[in-house]
Amino acid sequence: MTKNFTVPLIILCFVNDSLAQNEKLPYVEIPKHAEVYTAGAIVSRMIDGLGFRFYWATEGLRIEDLTFKPSDKARTIAETLNHIFELAQMIHNTALKKDISYIQNEEMSISEKRSITLKMLKKSSDIFRNTQNIGQFKISFNRDGKQSEYPFWNQINGPISDALWHCGQIVSHRRTSGNPFNSKVNVFRGIVSD
């Protein structure tokens, strides 16, 4: 299978999974941590923290939340979700050791984007968790035949940190639009209180 078909096939599998009835998405709670501190386990935990925050930042969004933006120059929540979707693709493609490519997602519902984003993050976390040499994972772009590559350090200060930043924006924006983040979510412990 060529690179051109691999990523869309993976996304298609995620879309089919996301349409299953009574689906349980990852990151309702943060997964159990690794027993040993390794570079891969630490990156995995960072992604798990992102997945948990994204899950709860986007849980229960209303139509009026999706169109909300604090100013004319700001992104709407829906536009921010699209950006996080792209960042998750960057993380995921890096985990798969594939060039960064973006899936056209204009036809997807917010629910599908949310589901696919969470599943890409979970799969990426699982790959990194069991990795001894995190340096083998490069961010690789191929734009019009011109290849550029960046070390994994850029993954941490780039897509992972950026997506965390934007999850905070969603939480802030939804609070301002009158639909606050679930107060029972404990991001420090990675659980939802009873």
N, C-alpha and C. Protein backbone atom coordinates (compact mmCIF):
# COMPACT_ATOMS: atom_id res chain seq x y z
N MET A 1 0.85 -1.19 0.00
CA MET A 1 0.00 0.00 0.00
C MET A 1 0.89 1.24 0.00
N THR A 2 0.58 2.22 -0.78
CA THR A 2 1.39 3.43 -0.86
C THR A 2 1.02 4.40 0.24
N LYS A 3 1.89 5.37 0.46
CA LYS A 3 1.64 6.39 1.47
C LYS A 3 0.34 7.14 1.21
N ASN A 4 0.03 7.36 -0.05
CA ASN A 4 -1.17 8.13 -0.39
C ASN A 4 -2.45 7.48 0.10
N PHE A 5 -2.47 6.16 0.23
CA PHE A 5 -3.67 5.46 0.64
C PHE A 5 -3.65 5.06 2.11
N THR A 6 -2.48 5.02 2.74
CA THR A 6 -2.38 4.56 4.11
C THR A 6 -3.12 5.46 5.08
N VAL A 7 -2.86 6.74 5.07
CA VAL A 7 -3.49 7.65 6.03
C VAL A 7 -5.00 7.71 5.82
N PRO A 8 -5.50 7.89 4.57
CA PRO A 8 -6.96 7.89 4.41
C PRO A 8 -7.60 6.58 4.86
N LEU A 9 -6.92 5.43 4.65
CA LEU A 9 -7.47 4.17 5.09
C LEU A 9 -7.57 4.12 6.61
N ILE A 10 -6.54 4.61 7.29
CA ILE A 10 -6.57 4.66 8.76
C ILE A 10 -7.71 5.54 9.22
N ILE A 11 -7.85 6.71 8.59
CA ILE A 11 -8.93 7.62 8.97
C ILE A 11 -10.29 6.99 8.68
N LEU A 12 -10.42 6.30 7.55
CA LEU A 12 -11.67 5.64 7.22
C LEU A 12 -12.02 4.62 8.29
N CYS A 13 -11.03 3.88 8.76
CA CYS A 13 -11.27 2.91 9.84
C CYS A 13 -11.76 3.64 11.09
N PHE A 14 -11.16 4.77 11.42
CA PHE A 14 -11.60 5.54 12.57
C PHE A 14 -13.04 6.02 12.38
N VAL A 15 -13.36 6.50 11.17
CA VAL A 15 -14.72 6.98 10.90
C VAL A 15 -15.71 5.84 11.07
N ASN A 16 -15.40 4.66 10.51
CA ASN A 16 -16.29 3.52 10.66
C ASN A 16 -16.45 3.14 12.12
N ASP A 17 -15.36 3.16 12.87
CA ASP A 17 -15.43 2.89 14.30
C ASP A 17 -16.30 3.91 15.01
N SER A 18 -16.16 5.19 14.61
CA SER A 18 -16.87 6.25 15.31
C SER A 18 -18.37 6.19 15.07
N LEU A 19 -18.79 5.51 14.03
CA LEU A 19 -20.21 5.41 13.73
C LEU A 19 -20.86 4.23 14.44
N ALA A 20 -20.06 3.40 15.11
CA ALA A 20 -20.60 2.25 15.83
C ALA A 20 -21.51 2.72 16.96
N GLN A 21 -22.56 1.94 17.17
CA GLN A 21 -23.50 2.31 18.23
C GLN A 21 -22.86 2.08 19.58
N ASN A 22 -23.26 2.89 20.55
CA ASN A 22 -22.81 2.77 21.93
C ASN A 22 -21.29 2.75 22.05
N GLU A 23 -20.65 3.51 21.24
CA GLU A 23 -19.19 3.56 21.23
C GLU A 23 -18.67 4.22 22.50
N LYS A 24 -17.61 3.65 23.04
CA LYS A 24 -16.95 4.28 24.17
C LYS A 24 -15.64 4.88 23.67
N LEU A 25 -15.57 6.20 23.73
CA LEU A 25 -14.38 6.90 23.26
C LEU A 25 -13.28 6.82 24.31
N PRO A 26 -12.02 6.86 23.88
CA PRO A 26 -10.93 6.91 24.84
C PRO A 26 -10.90 8.24 25.59
N TYR A 27 -10.31 8.21 26.75
CA TYR A 27 -10.00 9.38 27.56
C TYR A 27 -11.16 9.93 28.39
N VAL A 28 -12.17 9.10 28.67
CA VAL A 28 -13.16 9.49 29.67
C VAL A 28 -12.41 9.68 30.99
N GLU A 29 -11.47 8.80 31.24
CA GLU A 29 -10.51 8.94 32.33
C GLU A 29 -9.13 8.75 31.74
N ILE A 30 -8.14 9.25 32.44
CA ILE A 30 -6.77 9.10 31.94
C ILE A 30 -6.34 7.65 32.20
N PRO A 31 -5.68 7.02 31.23
CA PRO A 31 -5.27 5.62 31.42
C PRO A 31 -4.25 5.47 32.56
N LYS A 32 -4.12 4.25 33.02
CA LYS A 32 -3.13 3.93 34.06
C LYS A 32 -1.74 4.32 33.54
N HIS A 33 -0.95 4.88 34.42
CA HIS A 33 0.40 5.29 34.02
C HIS A 33 1.33 4.09 33.90
N ALA A 34 2.41 4.28 33.16
CA ALA A 34 3.44 3.25 33.04
C ALA A 34 4.13 3.06 34.38
N GLU A 35 4.69 1.90 34.59
CA GLU A 35 5.39 1.60 35.85
C GLU A 35 6.80 2.17 35.87
N VAL A 36 7.39 2.36 34.68
CA VAL A 36 8.77 2.81 34.58
C VAL A 36 8.80 4.13 33.80
N TYR A 37 9.62 5.05 34.27
CA TYR A 37 9.78 6.33 33.58
C TYR A 37 10.79 6.16 32.45
N THR A 38 10.27 6.23 31.22
CA THR A 38 11.12 6.23 30.03
C THR A 38 10.69 7.42 29.19
N ALA A 39 11.51 7.78 28.22
CA ALA A 39 11.13 8.89 27.34
C ALA A 39 9.80 8.60 26.66
N GLY A 40 9.63 7.38 26.17
CA GLY A 40 8.39 7.01 25.50
C GLY A 40 7.18 7.07 26.43
N ALA A 41 7.36 6.59 27.66
CA ALA A 41 6.26 6.60 28.63
C ALA A 41 5.88 8.03 29.00
N ILE A 42 6.86 8.91 29.09
CA ILE A 42 6.57 10.31 29.44
C ILE A 42 5.81 10.99 28.30
N VAL A 43 6.25 10.79 27.06
CA VAL A 43 5.53 11.37 25.92
C VAL A 43 4.12 10.80 25.86
N SER A 44 3.99 9.51 26.07
CA SER A 44 2.68 8.87 26.08
C SER A 44 1.76 9.52 27.11
N ARG A 45 2.30 9.78 28.30
CA ARG A 45 1.49 10.39 29.36
C ARG A 45 1.10 11.83 29.00
N MET A 46 1.99 12.55 28.32
CA MET A 46 1.65 13.90 27.87
C MET A 46 0.47 13.85 26.90
N ILE A 47 0.51 12.88 25.99
CA ILE A 47 -0.58 12.73 25.03
C ILE A 47 -1.86 12.29 25.73
N ASP A 48 -1.74 11.40 26.71
CA ASP A 48 -2.91 10.98 27.49
C ASP A 48 -3.53 12.18 28.20
N GLY A 49 -2.69 13.06 28.76
CA GLY A 49 -3.20 14.27 29.40
C GLY A 49 -3.92 15.16 28.41
N LEU A 50 -3.37 15.26 27.21
CA LEU A 50 -4.03 16.02 26.14
C LEU A 50 -5.36 15.38 25.77
N GLY A 51 -5.37 14.07 25.59
CA GLY A 51 -6.61 13.37 25.24
C GLY A 51 -7.70 13.56 26.28
N PHE A 52 -7.32 13.45 27.56
CA PHE A 52 -8.28 13.63 28.65
C PHE A 52 -8.85 15.05 28.64
N ARG A 53 -7.98 16.02 28.50
CA ARG A 53 -8.43 17.42 28.46
C ARG A 53 -9.31 17.69 27.23
N PHE A 54 -8.91 17.15 26.08
CA PHE A 54 -9.71 17.34 24.87
C PHE A 54 -11.08 16.68 25.02
N TYR A 55 -11.10 15.48 25.57
CA TYR A 55 -12.38 14.78 25.76
C TYR A 55 -13.35 15.66 26.53
N TRP A 56 -12.89 16.18 27.68
CA TRP A 56 -13.80 16.93 28.55
C TRP A 56 -14.01 18.37 28.07
N ALA A 57 -13.05 18.95 27.38
CA ALA A 57 -13.26 20.30 26.82
C ALA A 57 -14.34 20.27 25.75
N THR A 58 -14.48 19.14 25.07
CA THR A 58 -15.43 19.04 23.95
C THR A 58 -16.70 18.27 24.29
N GLU A 59 -16.76 17.69 25.45
CA GLU A 59 -17.94 16.92 25.85
C GLU A 59 -19.11 17.86 26.10
N GLY A 60 -20.24 17.59 25.46
CA GLY A 60 -21.45 18.37 25.70
C GLY A 60 -21.49 19.74 25.06
N LEU A 61 -20.69 19.95 24.02
CA LEU A 61 -20.75 21.24 23.32
C LEU A 61 -22.09 21.37 22.61
N ARG A 62 -22.62 22.57 22.63
CA ARG A 62 -23.89 22.87 21.94
C ARG A 62 -23.59 23.60 20.64
N ILE A 63 -24.58 23.69 19.77
CA ILE A 63 -24.42 24.41 18.50
C ILE A 63 -23.96 25.84 18.76
N GLU A 64 -24.57 26.50 19.73
CA GLU A 64 -24.19 27.89 20.01
C GLU A 64 -22.77 28.00 20.55
N ASP A 65 -22.27 26.94 21.18
CA ASP A 65 -20.87 26.94 21.63
C ASP A 65 -19.94 26.86 20.41
N LEU A 66 -20.28 26.01 19.46
CA LEU A 66 -19.42 25.78 18.29
C LEU A 66 -19.23 27.04 17.46
N THR A 67 -20.22 27.89 17.44
CA THR A 67 -20.12 29.12 16.64
C THR A 67 -19.61 30.31 17.45
N PHE A 68 -19.40 30.10 18.75
CA PHE A 68 -18.96 31.19 19.61
C PHE A 68 -17.50 31.53 19.36
N LYS A 69 -17.21 32.83 19.35
CA LYS A 69 -15.83 33.32 19.37
C LYS A 69 -15.84 34.63 20.14
N PRO A 70 -14.80 34.88 20.94
CA PRO A 70 -14.81 36.05 21.82
C PRO A 70 -14.65 37.38 21.10
N SER A 71 -14.13 37.36 19.88
CA SER A 71 -13.98 38.60 19.11
C SER A 71 -14.01 38.26 17.63
N ASP A 72 -14.13 39.28 16.81
CA ASP A 72 -14.20 39.06 15.36
C ASP A 72 -12.93 38.42 14.80
N LYS A 73 -11.79 38.65 15.43
CA LYS A 73 -10.53 38.14 14.91
C LYS A 73 -10.17 36.76 15.48
N ALA A 74 -10.96 36.27 16.42
CA ALA A 74 -10.68 34.97 17.06
C ALA A 74 -11.32 33.84 16.25
N ARG A 75 -10.86 32.61 16.52
CA ARG A 75 -11.47 31.41 15.94
C ARG A 75 -12.73 31.06 16.71
N THR A 76 -13.69 30.45 16.02
CA THR A 76 -14.83 29.87 16.72
C THR A 76 -14.35 28.57 17.38
N ILE A 77 -15.16 28.03 18.26
CA ILE A 77 -14.82 26.74 18.87
C ILE A 77 -14.72 25.67 17.78
N ALA A 78 -15.63 25.68 16.81
CA ALA A 78 -15.56 24.69 15.72
C ALA A 78 -14.25 24.81 14.94
N GLU A 79 -13.80 26.03 14.68
CA GLU A 79 -12.53 26.23 13.97
C GLU A 79 -11.36 25.75 14.83
N THR A 80 -11.45 25.94 16.13
CA THR A 80 -10.40 25.46 17.04
C THR A 80 -10.38 23.94 17.06
N LEU A 81 -11.55 23.31 17.04
CA LEU A 81 -11.62 21.85 16.95
C LEU A 81 -10.96 21.34 15.68
N ASN A 82 -11.17 22.03 14.57
CA ASN A 82 -10.52 21.65 13.31
C ASN A 82 -9.00 21.74 13.43
N HIS A 83 -8.52 22.78 14.09
CA HIS A 83 -7.08 22.94 14.26
C HIS A 83 -6.51 21.82 15.14
N ILE A 84 -7.19 21.49 16.21
CA ILE A 84 -6.73 20.38 17.08
C ILE A 84 -6.75 19.07 16.29
N PHE A 85 -7.74 18.88 15.44
CA PHE A 85 -7.79 17.70 14.57
C PHE A 85 -6.51 17.61 13.73
N GLU A 86 -6.09 18.73 13.15
CA GLU A 86 -4.86 18.76 12.35
C GLU A 86 -3.62 18.48 13.21
N LEU A 87 -3.58 19.03 14.41
CA LEU A 87 -2.45 18.78 15.31
C LEU A 87 -2.39 17.30 15.71
N ALA A 88 -3.56 16.70 15.95
CA ALA A 88 -3.60 15.27 16.27
C ALA A 88 -3.09 14.44 15.10
N GLN A 89 -3.39 14.88 13.87
CA GLN A 89 -2.87 14.18 12.69
C GLN A 89 -1.34 14.26 12.65
N MET A 90 -0.79 15.41 13.02
CA MET A 90 0.67 15.55 13.04
C MET A 90 1.29 14.60 14.06
N ILE A 91 0.69 14.53 15.24
CA ILE A 91 1.18 13.63 16.29
C ILE A 91 1.07 12.18 15.81
N HIS A 92 -0.07 11.85 15.24
CA HIS A 92 -0.34 10.49 14.78
C HIS A 92 0.59 10.08 13.64
N ASN A 93 0.76 10.94 12.64
CA ASN A 93 1.66 10.60 11.53
C ASN A 93 3.09 10.44 12.01
N THR A 94 3.50 11.25 12.97
CA THR A 94 4.84 11.10 13.54
C THR A 94 4.98 9.74 14.21
N ALA A 95 3.97 9.34 14.98
CA ALA A 95 4.00 8.03 15.65
C ALA A 95 4.08 6.90 14.63
N LEU A 96 3.43 7.07 13.48
CA LEU A 96 3.44 6.06 12.42
C LEU A 96 4.66 6.17 11.52
N LYS A 97 5.50 7.18 11.77
CA LYS A 97 6.70 7.45 10.97
C LYS A 97 6.33 7.73 9.51
N LYS A 98 5.31 8.53 9.34
CA LYS A 98 4.84 8.91 8.01
C LYS A 98 4.94 10.42 7.83
N ASP A 99 5.07 10.85 6.57
CA ASP A 99 5.06 12.28 6.28
C ASP A 99 3.75 12.87 6.77
N ILE A 100 3.81 14.11 7.20
CA ILE A 100 2.61 14.81 7.65
C ILE A 100 1.73 15.07 6.44
N SER A 101 0.50 14.64 6.54
CA SER A 101 -0.50 14.95 5.51
C SER A 101 -1.81 15.15 6.24
N TYR A 102 -2.64 15.99 5.69
CA TYR A 102 -3.89 16.34 6.36
C TYR A 102 -5.07 15.76 5.60
N ILE A 103 -6.00 15.24 6.37
CA ILE A 103 -7.22 14.68 5.82
C ILE A 103 -8.23 15.79 5.64
N GLN A 104 -8.86 15.83 4.50
CA GLN A 104 -9.93 16.80 4.29
C GLN A 104 -11.08 16.43 5.21
N ASN A 105 -11.48 17.35 6.07
CA ASN A 105 -12.48 17.01 7.07
C ASN A 105 -13.72 17.89 7.02
N GLU A 106 -13.89 18.64 5.95
CA GLU A 106 -15.03 19.55 5.87
C GLU A 106 -16.36 18.82 5.91
N GLU A 107 -16.39 17.59 5.40
CA GLU A 107 -17.64 16.83 5.35
C GLU A 107 -17.94 16.08 6.65
N MET A 108 -16.98 16.03 7.56
CA MET A 108 -17.18 15.31 8.81
C MET A 108 -17.98 16.14 9.80
N SER A 109 -18.77 15.46 10.58
CA SER A 109 -19.48 16.14 11.66
C SER A 109 -18.50 16.42 12.79
N ILE A 110 -18.89 17.31 13.68
CA ILE A 110 -18.06 17.60 14.85
C ILE A 110 -17.87 16.32 15.67
N SER A 111 -18.90 15.53 15.78
CA SER A 111 -18.82 14.27 16.52
C SER A 111 -17.78 13.33 15.91
N GLU A 112 -17.76 13.23 14.59
CA GLU A 112 -16.77 12.38 13.91
C GLU A 112 -15.36 12.92 14.12
N LYS A 113 -15.19 14.23 13.98
CA LYS A 113 -13.86 14.82 14.19
C LYS A 113 -13.37 14.58 15.61
N ARG A 114 -14.27 14.74 16.56
CA ARG A 114 -13.92 14.53 17.97
C ARG A 114 -13.50 13.08 18.20
N SER A 115 -14.28 12.15 17.68
CA SER A 115 -13.99 10.73 17.84
C SER A 115 -12.65 10.37 17.20
N ILE A 116 -12.43 10.81 15.98
CA ILE A 116 -11.18 10.50 15.28
C ILE A 116 -9.99 11.13 15.99
N THR A 117 -10.15 12.37 16.45
CA THR A 117 -9.06 13.03 17.18
C THR A 117 -8.68 12.21 18.40
N LEU A 118 -9.66 11.81 19.19
CA LEU A 118 -9.38 11.03 20.40
C LEU A 118 -8.72 9.70 20.07
N LYS A 119 -9.16 9.05 19.02
CA LYS A 119 -8.59 7.76 18.63
C LYS A 119 -7.16 7.90 18.08
N MET A 120 -6.91 8.97 17.33
CA MET A 120 -5.54 9.20 16.85
C MET A 120 -4.61 9.44 18.04
N LEU A 121 -5.06 10.24 19.01
CA LEU A 121 -4.23 10.51 20.18
C LEU A 121 -3.96 9.22 20.96
N LYS A 122 -4.98 8.39 21.13
CA LYS A 122 -4.81 7.13 21.88
C LYS A 122 -3.85 6.20 21.16
N LYS A 123 -4.00 6.06 19.86
CA LYS A 123 -3.10 5.18 19.11
C LYS A 123 -1.66 5.70 19.18
N SER A 124 -1.49 7.00 19.07
CA SER A 124 -0.15 7.61 19.16
C SER A 124 0.44 7.34 20.54
N SER A 125 -0.34 7.56 21.57
CA SER A 125 0.12 7.32 22.93
C SER A 125 0.57 5.88 23.10
N ASP A 126 -0.22 4.94 22.59
CA ASP A 126 0.12 3.52 22.71
C ASP A 126 1.44 3.21 22.01
N ILE A 127 1.67 3.81 20.86
CA ILE A 127 2.92 3.57 20.12
C ILE A 127 4.10 4.13 20.91
N PHE A 128 3.99 5.36 21.37
CA PHE A 128 5.11 5.98 22.09
C PHE A 128 5.38 5.32 23.44
N ARG A 129 4.34 4.84 24.11
CA ARG A 129 4.49 4.26 25.45
C ARG A 129 5.53 3.15 25.47
N ASN A 130 5.56 2.33 24.43
CA ASN A 130 6.45 1.17 24.40
C ASN A 130 7.73 1.41 23.63
N THR A 131 8.06 2.67 23.43
CA THR A 131 9.24 3.03 22.65
C THR A 131 10.42 3.33 23.56
N GLN A 132 11.54 2.73 23.26
CA GLN A 132 12.75 2.98 24.03
C GLN A 132 13.50 4.22 23.50
N ASN A 133 13.49 4.41 22.18
CA ASN A 133 14.24 5.50 21.57
C ASN A 133 13.28 6.48 20.90
N ILE A 134 12.85 7.48 21.65
CA ILE A 134 11.88 8.45 21.12
C ILE A 134 12.49 9.30 20.00
N GLY A 135 13.82 9.38 19.96
CA GLY A 135 14.51 10.15 18.94
C GLY A 135 14.35 9.61 17.53
N GLN A 136 13.90 8.37 17.40
CA GLN A 136 13.69 7.78 16.07
C GLN A 136 12.47 8.38 15.37
N PHE A 137 11.62 9.07 16.11
CA PHE A 137 10.40 9.64 15.55
C PHE A 137 10.67 11.09 15.14
N LYS A 138 10.60 11.34 13.87
CA LYS A 138 10.83 12.69 13.33
C LYS A 138 9.52 13.25 12.80
N ILE A 139 9.39 14.56 12.85
CA ILE A 139 8.28 15.21 12.17
C ILE A 139 8.75 15.43 10.75
N SER A 140 8.06 14.83 9.82
CA SER A 140 8.51 14.83 8.43
C SER A 140 7.43 15.43 7.52
N PHE A 141 7.82 16.45 6.77
CA PHE A 141 6.93 17.09 5.81
C PHE A 141 7.44 16.82 4.41
N ASN A 142 6.53 16.61 3.49
CA ASN A 142 6.87 16.50 2.08
C ASN A 142 5.91 17.42 1.34
N ARG A 143 6.39 18.61 1.03
CA ARG A 143 5.57 19.61 0.36
C ARG A 143 6.07 19.80 -1.06
N ASP A 144 5.24 19.39 -2.00
CA ASP A 144 5.59 19.51 -3.43
C ASP A 144 6.95 18.90 -3.73
N GLY A 145 7.20 17.73 -3.16
CA GLY A 145 8.44 17.02 -3.41
C GLY A 145 9.63 17.51 -2.60
N LYS A 146 9.44 18.54 -1.79
CA LYS A 146 10.53 19.05 -0.96
C LYS A 146 10.36 18.49 0.46
N GLN A 147 11.33 17.70 0.86
CA GLN A 147 11.30 17.02 2.16
C GLN A 147 11.94 17.90 3.23
N SER A 148 11.28 18.01 4.37
CA SER A 148 11.90 18.67 5.53
C SER A 148 11.57 17.82 6.75
N GLU A 149 12.52 17.80 7.67
CA GLU A 149 12.40 16.93 8.84
C GLU A 149 12.82 17.69 10.09
N TYR A 150 12.13 17.40 11.19
CA TYR A 150 12.42 18.05 12.46
C TYR A 150 12.54 16.99 13.54
N PRO A 151 13.38 17.24 14.55
CA PRO A 151 13.53 16.26 15.63
C PRO A 151 12.28 16.19 16.49
N PHE A 152 12.18 15.13 17.27
CA PHE A 152 11.01 14.92 18.11
C PHE A 152 10.79 16.05 19.11
N TRP A 153 11.83 16.75 19.48
CA TRP A 153 11.68 17.90 20.39
C TRP A 153 10.59 18.85 19.89
N ASN A 154 10.54 19.04 18.58
CA ASN A 154 9.53 19.94 18.00
C ASN A 154 8.11 19.40 18.16
N GLN A 155 7.97 18.10 18.31
CA GLN A 155 6.66 17.51 18.56
C GLN A 155 6.14 17.96 19.93
N ILE A 156 7.05 18.04 20.89
CA ILE A 156 6.65 18.41 22.26
C ILE A 156 6.27 19.89 22.32
N ASN A 157 7.15 20.77 21.84
CA ASN A 157 6.85 22.21 21.92
C ASN A 157 5.93 22.67 20.79
N GLY A 158 5.72 21.81 19.80
CA GLY A 158 4.84 22.14 18.69
C GLY A 158 3.45 21.56 18.89
N PRO A 159 3.09 20.51 18.14
CA PRO A 159 1.71 20.00 18.15
C PRO A 159 1.15 19.62 19.52
N ILE A 160 1.94 18.95 20.36
CA ILE A 160 1.40 18.53 21.66
C ILE A 160 1.06 19.74 22.52
N SER A 161 2.01 20.66 22.67
CA SER A 161 1.77 21.85 23.49
C SER A 161 0.71 22.75 22.88
N ASP A 162 0.72 22.88 21.57
CA ASP A 162 -0.26 23.72 20.89
C ASP A 162 -1.67 23.19 21.11
N ALA A 163 -1.85 21.88 20.99
CA ALA A 163 -3.17 21.28 21.19
C ALA A 163 -3.64 21.48 22.64
N LEU A 164 -2.74 21.36 23.60
CA LEU A 164 -3.10 21.62 25.00
C LEU A 164 -3.57 23.07 25.17
N TRP A 165 -2.85 23.98 24.57
CA TRP A 165 -3.19 25.41 24.60
C TRP A 165 -4.61 25.62 24.09
N HIS A 166 -4.91 24.98 22.95
CA HIS A 166 -6.22 25.18 22.33
C HIS A 166 -7.35 24.50 23.11
N CYS A 167 -7.05 23.41 23.80
CA CYS A 167 -8.07 22.82 24.68
C CYS A 167 -8.48 23.82 25.75
N GLY A 168 -7.51 24.54 26.28
CA GLY A 168 -7.80 25.59 27.27
C GLY A 168 -8.66 26.69 26.67
N GLN A 169 -8.41 27.02 25.42
CA GLN A 169 -9.24 28.04 24.75
C GLN A 169 -10.69 27.56 24.64
N ILE A 170 -10.88 26.31 24.29
CA ILE A 170 -12.24 25.79 24.19
C ILE A 170 -12.94 25.87 25.54
N VAL A 171 -12.24 25.49 26.60
CA VAL A 171 -12.82 25.55 27.95
C VAL A 171 -13.21 26.99 28.29
N SER A 172 -12.34 27.92 28.00
CA SER A 172 -12.62 29.33 28.28
C SER A 172 -13.78 29.85 27.45
N HIS A 173 -13.78 29.53 26.17
CA HIS A 173 -14.84 30.01 25.27
C HIS A 173 -16.20 29.42 25.62
N ARG A 174 -16.21 28.12 25.97
CA ARG A 174 -17.51 27.52 26.28
C ARG A 174 -18.06 28.09 27.59
N ARG A 175 -17.16 28.42 28.52
CA ARG A 175 -17.60 29.06 29.77
C ARG A 175 -18.23 30.42 29.45
N THR A 176 -17.59 31.17 28.58
CA THR A 176 -18.09 32.49 28.20
C THR A 176 -19.42 32.39 27.45
N SER A 177 -19.60 31.30 26.69
CA SER A 177 -20.86 31.14 25.94
C SER A 177 -21.97 30.55 26.80
N GLY A 178 -21.69 30.31 28.09
CA GLY A 178 -22.73 29.85 29.01
C GLY A 178 -22.82 28.35 29.20
N ASN A 179 -21.79 27.61 28.80
CA ASN A 179 -21.79 26.15 28.93
C ASN A 179 -20.46 25.71 29.54
N PRO A 180 -20.27 25.92 30.85
CA PRO A 180 -18.97 25.65 31.46
C PRO A 180 -18.55 24.17 31.43
N PHE A 181 -17.26 24.00 31.49
CA PHE A 181 -16.59 22.71 31.60
C PHE A 181 -17.14 21.96 32.81
N ASN A 182 -17.27 20.65 32.72
CA ASN A 182 -17.79 19.83 33.82
C ASN A 182 -16.93 20.01 35.07
N SER A 183 -17.52 20.52 36.13
CA SER A 183 -16.78 20.82 37.36
C SER A 183 -16.33 19.57 38.11
N LYS A 184 -16.83 18.41 37.73
CA LYS A 184 -16.43 17.15 38.39
C LYS A 184 -15.16 16.56 37.79
N VAL A 185 -14.67 17.16 36.69
CA VAL A 185 -13.45 16.67 36.05
C VAL A 185 -12.24 17.16 36.85
N ASN A 186 -11.40 16.22 37.25
CA ASN A 186 -10.20 16.53 38.01
C ASN A 186 -9.00 16.26 37.09
N VAL A 187 -8.47 17.31 36.46
CA VAL A 187 -7.38 17.12 35.51
C VAL A 187 -6.07 16.71 36.20
N PHE A 188 -5.91 17.05 37.48
CA PHE A 188 -4.70 16.64 38.20
C PHE A 188 -4.67 15.12 38.38
N ARG A 189 -5.79 14.55 38.75
CA ARG A 189 -5.86 13.10 38.99
C ARG A 189 -6.29 12.31 37.76
N GLY A 190 -6.86 13.01 36.76
CA GLY A 190 -7.28 12.34 35.54
C GLY A 190 -8.54 11.52 35.70
N ILE A 191 -9.43 11.99 36.56
CA ILE A 191 -10.68 11.26 36.81
C ILE A 191 -11.85 12.25 36.84
N VAL A 192 -13.04 11.67 36.88
CA VAL A 192 -14.25 12.46 37.07
C VAL A 192 -14.82 12.05 38.41
N SER A 193 -14.99 13.03 39.30
CA SER A 193 -15.50 12.75 40.64
C SER A 193 -16.98 12.37 40.58
N ASP A 194 -17.40 11.59 41.56
CA ASP A 194 -18.83 11.22 41.65
C ASP A 194 -19.66 12.35 42.20
